[in-house]
Structure formats: C-alpha cells, structure tokens
Amino acid sequence: MRFHLIDRIETFTPREHITARKVTSVDETYWQDTGSGPAMPFGLALEALCQSATWLIMLSTEHRQRAALLAVGEATAHRAVRPGEVLRMRATIESMTEEAALLDGTVTAGGEDVLSASGILCALIDAERLDDPADTRRMAHQLQGGGPVG
C-alpha cells in the first residue's frame, strides 16, 4: 500500500527548503483510536515530512534523483493530528552531495508544531529506478498547482 501524504507543494527553493501541505479527512483509513478520538499515527506524520523532503530533492535535481530514507536522528511528537486538520510540512536541506542529503523539518497544524525531526539522512538514487519520469513530472506539475496534465 502506498500513501500519498502531500496534496500541494506551496513553496520551494531548490537545494534549500520546501513547504507542502496535506488536508486530512475523517474518511482516510489510517486513523487510530486513542481513547480521546481518532489520531494520525506518529509514523505517518513523519512520512509526510519525508515525502516533502523527497519532493525537494526531486525538484532540486530536475527529477533525476530521489531521496531514499536511511535514518532519522531524532523525531519528536508534540501533539496528535486530528481529522480535518491541515498539515504543513517544512523540510530544510542542511547538507547535500551527489550521494546523500541531510535534512531537518517540522510538521504543523493550526499554527502549532505537531512533529519536529532532525538528522533525516537520505541516500540519493537515480529516480528512474523507482518511478516513470513522465509520471513523476506530471505529479510534480499537479502538486505545484498546475492541474491535470494531458
């Protein structure tokens, strides 16, 4: 099963940072009952941040490279994510070579931090090994507000 946890890329500066969003819905299948209502699993909030980081790498390399997660130095949950909240992920490249990237980031909802992570280490691999380049470009176009591509 594959989760697409990015609805829109709001801003990005190549090789620097990206801001992306995810509008959550009660109809999604991943909510966990916490006893005080449904909440998004911590791992999926972290995955949303990592997907944002992957898009930053792909856009920064004109879709030639993709980030493959190797390790997360530290990740902290600050509060639960509830259905209907809009998540904003911000990932920042701390360093990047042809082989690897190190990133930090946060996930916020309603102006509050819900997750922070540092030391996100990714190997950079040939993007064509994982996805069709035309599909990736089409999705990037849509996520940046370009609408469907024919």
N, C-alpha and C. Protein backbone atom coordinates (compact mmCIF):
# COMPACT_ATOMS: atom_id res chain seq x y z
N MET A 1 0.85 -1.17 0.00
CA MET A 1 0.00 0.00 0.00
C MET A 1 0.89 1.24 0.00
N ARG A 2 0.51 2.23 -0.77
CA ARG A 2 1.28 3.46 -0.88
C ARG A 2 0.42 4.62 -0.42
N PHE A 3 0.94 5.42 0.49
CA PHE A 3 0.25 6.61 0.97
C PHE A 3 0.85 7.84 0.30
N HIS A 4 0.00 8.64 -0.32
CA HIS A 4 0.42 9.94 -0.82
C HIS A 4 -0.03 10.96 0.21
N LEU A 5 0.92 11.52 0.91
CA LEU A 5 0.61 12.40 2.04
C LEU A 5 0.93 13.86 1.75
N ILE A 6 1.01 14.20 0.47
CA ILE A 6 1.22 15.58 0.05
C ILE A 6 0.09 15.92 -0.92
N ASP A 7 -0.65 16.98 -0.61
CA ASP A 7 -1.70 17.46 -1.51
C ASP A 7 -1.22 18.61 -2.40
N ARG A 8 -0.29 19.40 -1.87
CA ARG A 8 0.14 20.60 -2.58
C ARG A 8 1.54 20.97 -2.12
N ILE A 9 2.37 21.36 -3.07
CA ILE A 9 3.65 21.98 -2.76
C ILE A 9 3.40 23.48 -2.77
N GLU A 10 3.56 24.11 -1.63
CA GLU A 10 3.23 25.54 -1.51
C GLU A 10 4.41 26.41 -1.94
N THR A 11 5.61 26.10 -1.47
CA THR A 11 6.80 26.86 -1.84
C THR A 11 7.99 25.91 -1.85
N PHE A 12 8.98 26.25 -2.65
CA PHE A 12 10.25 25.55 -2.55
C PHE A 12 11.35 26.41 -3.16
N THR A 13 12.50 26.29 -2.58
CA THR A 13 13.71 26.89 -3.10
C THR A 13 14.69 25.74 -3.32
N PRO A 14 15.12 25.53 -4.57
CA PRO A 14 15.99 24.39 -4.86
C PRO A 14 17.20 24.33 -3.92
N ARG A 15 17.46 23.10 -3.44
CA ARG A 15 18.60 22.80 -2.57
C ARG A 15 18.57 23.54 -1.24
N GLU A 16 17.38 24.11 -0.89
CA GLU A 16 17.25 24.80 0.39
C GLU A 16 16.09 24.28 1.22
N HIS A 17 14.85 24.55 0.79
CA HIS A 17 13.70 24.17 1.62
C HIS A 17 12.44 24.01 0.78
N ILE A 18 11.45 23.36 1.39
CA ILE A 18 10.15 23.16 0.76
C ILE A 18 9.08 23.29 1.84
N THR A 19 7.93 23.79 1.45
CA THR A 19 6.74 23.78 2.31
C THR A 19 5.64 23.09 1.51
N ALA A 20 5.05 22.07 2.12
CA ALA A 20 3.98 21.30 1.46
C ALA A 20 2.83 21.14 2.45
N ARG A 21 1.67 20.74 1.93
CA ARG A 21 0.53 20.57 2.83
C ARG A 21 -0.21 19.27 2.55
N LYS A 22 -0.95 18.86 3.55
CA LYS A 22 -1.84 17.69 3.47
C LYS A 22 -3.10 18.05 4.23
N VAL A 23 -4.24 18.03 3.54
CA VAL A 23 -5.53 18.22 4.18
C VAL A 23 -6.03 16.84 4.60
N THR A 24 -6.24 16.64 5.88
CA THR A 24 -6.68 15.33 6.36
C THR A 24 -8.20 15.24 6.31
N SER A 25 -8.67 14.01 6.22
CA SER A 25 -10.11 13.76 6.14
C SER A 25 -10.48 12.61 7.07
N VAL A 26 -11.63 12.69 7.68
CA VAL A 26 -12.10 11.61 8.55
C VAL A 26 -12.27 10.31 7.78
N ASP A 27 -12.43 10.39 6.47
CA ASP A 27 -12.66 9.20 5.65
C ASP A 27 -11.39 8.41 5.33
N GLU A 28 -10.23 8.93 5.69
CA GLU A 28 -8.99 8.19 5.43
C GLU A 28 -8.90 6.99 6.36
N THR A 29 -8.17 5.97 5.90
CA THR A 29 -8.19 4.68 6.60
C THR A 29 -7.16 4.54 7.71
N TYR A 30 -6.31 5.51 7.91
CA TYR A 30 -5.19 5.33 8.83
C TYR A 30 -5.42 5.81 10.26
N TRP A 31 -6.55 6.40 10.56
CA TRP A 31 -6.78 6.95 11.90
C TRP A 31 -6.74 5.85 12.95
N GLN A 32 -6.12 6.15 14.07
CA GLN A 32 -6.08 5.22 15.20
C GLN A 32 -6.94 5.79 16.32
N ASP A 33 -7.69 4.93 16.99
CA ASP A 33 -8.49 5.36 18.14
C ASP A 33 -7.56 5.48 19.34
N THR A 34 -7.52 6.65 19.93
CA THR A 34 -6.62 6.90 21.06
C THR A 34 -7.35 6.93 22.39
N GLY A 35 -8.65 6.70 22.38
CA GLY A 35 -9.44 6.83 23.59
C GLY A 35 -10.01 8.23 23.75
N SER A 36 -9.36 9.21 23.12
CA SER A 36 -9.88 10.58 23.13
C SER A 36 -10.15 11.05 21.70
N GLY A 37 -10.48 10.09 20.84
CA GLY A 37 -10.80 10.40 19.45
C GLY A 37 -9.71 9.91 18.51
N PRO A 38 -10.03 9.93 17.21
CA PRO A 38 -9.06 9.43 16.24
C PRO A 38 -7.85 10.35 16.11
N ALA A 39 -6.69 9.74 15.84
CA ALA A 39 -5.45 10.49 15.65
C ALA A 39 -4.63 9.82 14.56
N MET A 40 -3.86 10.63 13.85
CA MET A 40 -2.96 10.11 12.83
C MET A 40 -1.78 9.44 13.54
N PRO A 41 -1.39 8.26 13.11
CA PRO A 41 -0.20 7.64 13.70
C PRO A 41 1.03 8.53 13.52
N PHE A 42 1.88 8.59 14.54
CA PHE A 42 3.09 9.41 14.50
C PHE A 42 3.92 9.09 13.26
N GLY A 43 4.04 7.81 12.92
CA GLY A 43 4.85 7.41 11.78
C GLY A 43 4.36 7.99 10.46
N LEU A 44 3.05 8.21 10.33
CA LEU A 44 2.53 8.79 9.09
C LEU A 44 2.80 10.29 9.02
N ALA A 45 2.77 10.97 10.15
CA ALA A 45 3.14 12.39 10.16
C ALA A 45 4.62 12.53 9.77
N LEU A 46 5.46 11.64 10.28
CA LEU A 46 6.88 11.64 9.90
C LEU A 46 7.02 11.30 8.42
N GLU A 47 6.24 10.36 7.92
CA GLU A 47 6.26 10.00 6.50
C GLU A 47 5.88 11.20 5.63
N ALA A 48 4.89 11.99 6.05
CA ALA A 48 4.50 13.18 5.29
C ALA A 48 5.68 14.15 5.18
N LEU A 49 6.42 14.31 6.26
CA LEU A 49 7.60 15.17 6.24
C LEU A 49 8.65 14.60 5.29
N CYS A 50 8.88 13.29 5.37
CA CYS A 50 9.87 12.65 4.50
C CYS A 50 9.46 12.72 3.03
N GLN A 51 8.16 12.61 2.74
CA GLN A 51 7.70 12.76 1.36
C GLN A 51 7.97 14.19 0.87
N SER A 52 7.78 15.16 1.74
CA SER A 52 8.10 16.55 1.37
C SER A 52 9.58 16.68 1.04
N ALA A 53 10.42 16.07 1.86
CA ALA A 53 11.86 16.10 1.62
C ALA A 53 12.21 15.44 0.29
N THR A 54 11.54 14.34 -0.03
CA THR A 54 11.78 13.66 -1.31
C THR A 54 11.42 14.58 -2.47
N TRP A 55 10.30 15.29 -2.37
CA TRP A 55 9.92 16.22 -3.43
C TRP A 55 10.95 17.34 -3.56
N LEU A 56 11.48 17.81 -2.44
CA LEU A 56 12.51 18.86 -2.50
C LEU A 56 13.73 18.35 -3.27
N ILE A 57 14.15 17.12 -2.99
CA ILE A 57 15.30 16.54 -3.70
C ILE A 57 14.97 16.39 -5.18
N MET A 58 13.80 15.84 -5.49
CA MET A 58 13.45 15.63 -6.90
C MET A 58 13.37 16.96 -7.66
N LEU A 59 12.72 17.96 -7.07
CA LEU A 59 12.61 19.25 -7.75
C LEU A 59 13.97 19.94 -7.86
N SER A 60 14.81 19.77 -6.86
CA SER A 60 16.14 20.39 -6.86
C SER A 60 17.06 19.77 -7.90
N THR A 61 16.82 18.51 -8.27
CA THR A 61 17.68 17.81 -9.24
C THR A 61 16.96 17.60 -10.58
N GLU A 62 15.90 18.36 -10.80
CA GLU A 62 15.12 18.25 -12.03
C GLU A 62 14.67 16.82 -12.28
N HIS A 63 14.24 16.16 -11.20
CA HIS A 63 13.68 14.81 -11.21
C HIS A 63 14.69 13.70 -11.50
N ARG A 64 15.98 14.02 -11.46
CA ARG A 64 17.00 13.00 -11.72
C ARG A 64 17.28 12.13 -10.50
N GLN A 65 17.15 12.71 -9.30
CA GLN A 65 17.44 11.97 -8.08
C GLN A 65 16.23 11.95 -7.16
N ARG A 66 16.20 10.91 -6.34
CA ARG A 66 15.14 10.75 -5.36
C ARG A 66 15.78 10.36 -4.04
N ALA A 67 15.17 10.81 -2.95
CA ALA A 67 15.68 10.50 -1.63
C ALA A 67 15.15 9.16 -1.15
N ALA A 68 16.05 8.33 -0.64
CA ALA A 68 15.69 7.06 -0.01
C ALA A 68 16.11 7.16 1.46
N LEU A 69 15.15 7.10 2.35
CA LEU A 69 15.41 7.30 3.78
C LEU A 69 16.37 6.24 4.32
N LEU A 70 17.41 6.71 4.98
CA LEU A 70 18.37 5.83 5.65
C LEU A 70 18.21 5.85 7.16
N ALA A 71 18.02 7.05 7.73
CA ALA A 71 17.93 7.17 9.19
C ALA A 71 17.32 8.52 9.56
N VAL A 72 16.74 8.55 10.75
CA VAL A 72 16.26 9.79 11.34
C VAL A 72 16.98 9.94 12.67
N GLY A 73 17.72 11.03 12.80
CA GLY A 73 18.49 11.24 14.03
C GLY A 73 17.59 11.38 15.25
N GLU A 74 16.60 12.25 15.14
CA GLU A 74 15.66 12.47 16.24
C GLU A 74 14.33 12.95 15.69
N ALA A 75 13.25 12.41 16.23
CA ALA A 75 11.90 12.85 15.86
C ALA A 75 11.07 12.94 17.13
N THR A 76 10.37 14.06 17.28
CA THR A 76 9.59 14.31 18.49
C THR A 76 8.15 14.64 18.11
N ALA A 77 7.21 13.93 18.72
CA ALA A 77 5.79 14.25 18.56
C ALA A 77 5.42 15.28 19.61
N HIS A 78 4.77 16.37 19.17
CA HIS A 78 4.37 17.43 20.10
C HIS A 78 2.90 17.34 20.48
N ARG A 79 2.07 16.90 19.54
CA ARG A 79 0.65 16.68 19.82
C ARG A 79 0.05 15.84 18.71
N ALA A 80 -1.15 15.32 18.96
CA ALA A 80 -1.84 14.47 17.99
C ALA A 80 -2.41 15.29 16.83
N VAL A 81 -2.49 14.65 15.67
CA VAL A 81 -3.15 15.22 14.50
C VAL A 81 -4.54 14.63 14.44
N ARG A 82 -5.54 15.48 14.30
CA ARG A 82 -6.95 15.06 14.28
C ARG A 82 -7.53 15.19 12.87
N PRO A 83 -8.56 14.41 12.55
CA PRO A 83 -9.21 14.50 11.24
C PRO A 83 -9.66 15.92 10.94
N GLY A 84 -9.45 16.34 9.70
CA GLY A 84 -9.87 17.67 9.26
C GLY A 84 -8.78 18.72 9.38
N GLU A 85 -7.69 18.40 10.08
CA GLU A 85 -6.61 19.39 10.21
C GLU A 85 -5.80 19.47 8.92
N VAL A 86 -5.24 20.63 8.66
CA VAL A 86 -4.35 20.85 7.53
C VAL A 86 -2.93 20.79 8.07
N LEU A 87 -2.18 19.81 7.56
CA LEU A 87 -0.78 19.68 7.96
C LEU A 87 0.08 20.50 7.01
N ARG A 88 1.07 21.17 7.58
CA ARG A 88 2.07 21.87 6.78
C ARG A 88 3.43 21.30 7.14
N MET A 89 4.09 20.78 6.13
CA MET A 89 5.41 20.21 6.31
C MET A 89 6.45 21.17 5.75
N ARG A 90 7.49 21.40 6.53
CA ARG A 90 8.61 22.22 6.05
C ARG A 90 9.89 21.42 6.26
N ALA A 91 10.58 21.15 5.16
CA ALA A 91 11.84 20.42 5.20
C ALA A 91 12.94 21.34 4.69
N THR A 92 14.08 21.29 5.36
CA THR A 92 15.21 22.13 5.02
C THR A 92 16.44 21.25 4.83
N ILE A 93 17.14 21.46 3.72
CA ILE A 93 18.39 20.73 3.47
C ILE A 93 19.49 21.38 4.30
N GLU A 94 20.12 20.57 5.14
CA GLU A 94 21.26 21.04 5.93
C GLU A 94 22.55 20.83 5.17
N SER A 95 22.64 19.72 4.42
CA SER A 95 23.79 19.47 3.55
C SER A 95 23.36 18.48 2.47
N MET A 96 24.06 18.56 1.32
CA MET A 96 23.68 17.70 0.20
C MET A 96 24.89 17.48 -0.69
N THR A 97 25.13 16.22 -1.04
CA THR A 97 26.15 15.85 -2.02
C THR A 97 25.44 15.09 -3.13
N GLU A 98 26.18 14.54 -4.07
CA GLU A 98 25.58 13.74 -5.14
C GLU A 98 25.06 12.40 -4.60
N GLU A 99 25.56 11.96 -3.44
CA GLU A 99 25.20 10.65 -2.90
C GLU A 99 24.19 10.70 -1.75
N ALA A 100 24.13 11.82 -1.02
CA ALA A 100 23.29 11.85 0.18
C ALA A 100 22.86 13.27 0.51
N ALA A 101 21.80 13.34 1.33
CA ALA A 101 21.32 14.63 1.83
C ALA A 101 20.96 14.47 3.30
N LEU A 102 21.17 15.53 4.05
CA LEU A 102 20.80 15.59 5.46
C LEU A 102 19.81 16.73 5.61
N LEU A 103 18.63 16.43 6.19
CA LEU A 103 17.56 17.42 6.30
C LEU A 103 17.02 17.49 7.71
N ASP A 104 16.40 18.61 8.02
CA ASP A 104 15.63 18.81 9.25
C ASP A 104 14.24 19.25 8.82
N GLY A 105 13.26 19.11 9.73
CA GLY A 105 11.94 19.57 9.35
C GLY A 105 10.94 19.59 10.48
N THR A 106 9.79 20.19 10.17
CA THR A 106 8.68 20.26 11.12
C THR A 106 7.37 19.99 10.39
N VAL A 107 6.41 19.53 11.16
CA VAL A 107 5.02 19.40 10.70
C VAL A 107 4.20 20.23 11.67
N THR A 108 3.37 21.13 11.12
CA THR A 108 2.49 21.95 11.94
C THR A 108 1.04 21.74 11.53
N ALA A 109 0.14 22.06 12.44
CA ALA A 109 -1.30 22.06 12.17
C ALA A 109 -1.90 23.17 13.01
N GLY A 110 -2.68 24.02 12.39
CA GLY A 110 -3.29 25.13 13.12
C GLY A 110 -2.25 26.04 13.77
N GLY A 111 -1.09 26.17 13.15
CA GLY A 111 -0.05 27.03 13.68
C GLY A 111 0.76 26.43 14.82
N GLU A 112 0.46 25.17 15.19
CA GLU A 112 1.18 24.51 16.28
C GLU A 112 2.06 23.40 15.72
N ASP A 113 3.24 23.24 16.30
CA ASP A 113 4.08 22.10 15.93
C ASP A 113 3.42 20.81 16.38
N VAL A 114 3.35 19.84 15.46
CA VAL A 114 2.87 18.52 15.84
C VAL A 114 4.02 17.50 15.80
N LEU A 115 5.07 17.83 15.06
CA LEU A 115 6.22 16.95 14.96
C LEU A 115 7.43 17.76 14.54
N SER A 116 8.58 17.43 15.09
CA SER A 116 9.84 18.00 14.62
C SER A 116 10.83 16.86 14.47
N ALA A 117 11.69 16.99 13.46
CA ALA A 117 12.68 15.94 13.20
C ALA A 117 13.98 16.58 12.75
N SER A 118 15.07 15.97 13.15
CA SER A 118 16.38 16.44 12.72
C SER A 118 17.24 15.25 12.35
N GLY A 119 18.24 15.52 11.54
CA GLY A 119 19.14 14.45 11.12
C GLY A 119 18.48 13.42 10.22
N ILE A 120 17.59 13.87 9.33
CA ILE A 120 16.96 12.96 8.37
C ILE A 120 17.99 12.70 7.27
N LEU A 121 18.55 11.50 7.28
CA LEU A 121 19.60 11.14 6.34
C LEU A 121 19.01 10.31 5.21
N CYS A 122 19.26 10.76 3.99
CA CYS A 122 18.72 10.09 2.80
C CYS A 122 19.83 9.81 1.80
N ALA A 123 19.81 8.62 1.23
CA ALA A 123 20.65 8.33 0.08
C ALA A 123 19.96 8.92 -1.14
N LEU A 124 20.73 9.44 -2.07
CA LEU A 124 20.16 9.97 -3.30
C LEU A 124 20.39 8.95 -4.40
N ILE A 125 19.30 8.50 -4.99
CA ILE A 125 19.38 7.45 -6.00
C ILE A 125 18.76 7.93 -7.30
N ASP A 126 19.06 7.25 -8.37
CA ASP A 126 18.51 7.55 -9.69
C ASP A 126 17.00 7.39 -9.63
N ALA A 127 16.28 8.48 -9.85
CA ALA A 127 14.82 8.47 -9.72
C ALA A 127 14.16 7.48 -10.68
N GLU A 128 14.74 7.26 -11.84
CA GLU A 128 14.14 6.35 -12.82
C GLU A 128 14.11 4.91 -12.33
N ARG A 129 14.91 4.57 -11.32
CA ARG A 129 14.90 3.21 -10.77
C ARG A 129 13.60 2.93 -10.03
N LEU A 130 12.90 3.98 -9.58
CA LEU A 130 11.70 3.80 -8.77
C LEU A 130 10.41 4.16 -9.48
N ASP A 131 10.44 5.19 -10.29
CA ASP A 131 9.21 5.69 -10.91
C ASP A 131 9.45 6.07 -12.36
N ASP A 132 8.40 6.04 -13.14
CA ASP A 132 8.44 6.51 -14.50
C ASP A 132 8.64 8.03 -14.48
N PRO A 133 9.66 8.56 -15.16
CA PRO A 133 9.92 10.00 -15.13
C PRO A 133 8.74 10.85 -15.58
N ALA A 134 7.99 10.40 -16.56
CA ALA A 134 6.83 11.16 -17.04
C ALA A 134 5.76 11.25 -15.95
N ASP A 135 5.54 10.14 -15.22
CA ASP A 135 4.57 10.15 -14.13
C ASP A 135 5.01 11.10 -13.02
N THR A 136 6.29 11.10 -12.72
CA THR A 136 6.82 11.98 -11.67
C THR A 136 6.65 13.45 -12.06
N ARG A 137 6.97 13.78 -13.28
CA ARG A 137 6.82 15.18 -13.75
C ARG A 137 5.35 15.60 -13.72
N ARG A 138 4.48 14.71 -14.12
CA ARG A 138 3.03 15.00 -14.13
C ARG A 138 2.55 15.27 -12.69
N MET A 139 2.97 14.41 -11.76
CA MET A 139 2.55 14.60 -10.38
C MET A 139 3.14 15.88 -9.80
N ALA A 140 4.38 16.19 -10.10
CA ALA A 140 5.01 17.43 -9.62
C ALA A 140 4.24 18.64 -10.15
N HIS A 141 3.84 18.59 -11.39
CA HIS A 141 3.07 19.68 -12.01
C HIS A 141 1.74 19.88 -11.25
N GLN A 142 1.06 18.77 -10.95
CA GLN A 142 -0.21 18.85 -10.22
C GLN A 142 -0.01 19.37 -8.81
N LEU A 143 1.02 18.88 -8.12
CA LEU A 143 1.25 19.29 -6.73
C LEU A 143 1.63 20.76 -6.62
N GLN A 144 2.17 21.32 -7.70
CA GLN A 144 2.53 22.73 -7.69
C GLN A 144 1.39 23.62 -8.19
N GLY A 145 0.19 23.04 -8.30
CA GLY A 145 -0.98 23.83 -8.65
C GLY A 145 -1.24 23.95 -10.13
N GLY A 146 -0.56 23.12 -10.93
CA GLY A 146 -0.70 23.21 -12.38
C GLY A 146 -1.90 22.48 -12.94
N GLY A 147 -2.60 21.73 -12.12
CA GLY A 147 -3.77 20.98 -12.59
C GLY A 147 -3.35 19.77 -13.40
N PRO A 148 -4.33 19.03 -13.89
CA PRO A 148 -4.04 17.80 -14.64
C PRO A 148 -3.21 18.10 -15.90
N VAL A 149 -2.36 17.16 -16.22
CA VAL A 149 -1.54 17.25 -17.43
C VAL A 149 -2.04 16.20 -18.40
N GLY A 150 -2.33 16.60 -19.63
CA GLY A 150 -2.85 15.68 -20.63
C GLY A 150 -1.80 14.87 -21.32
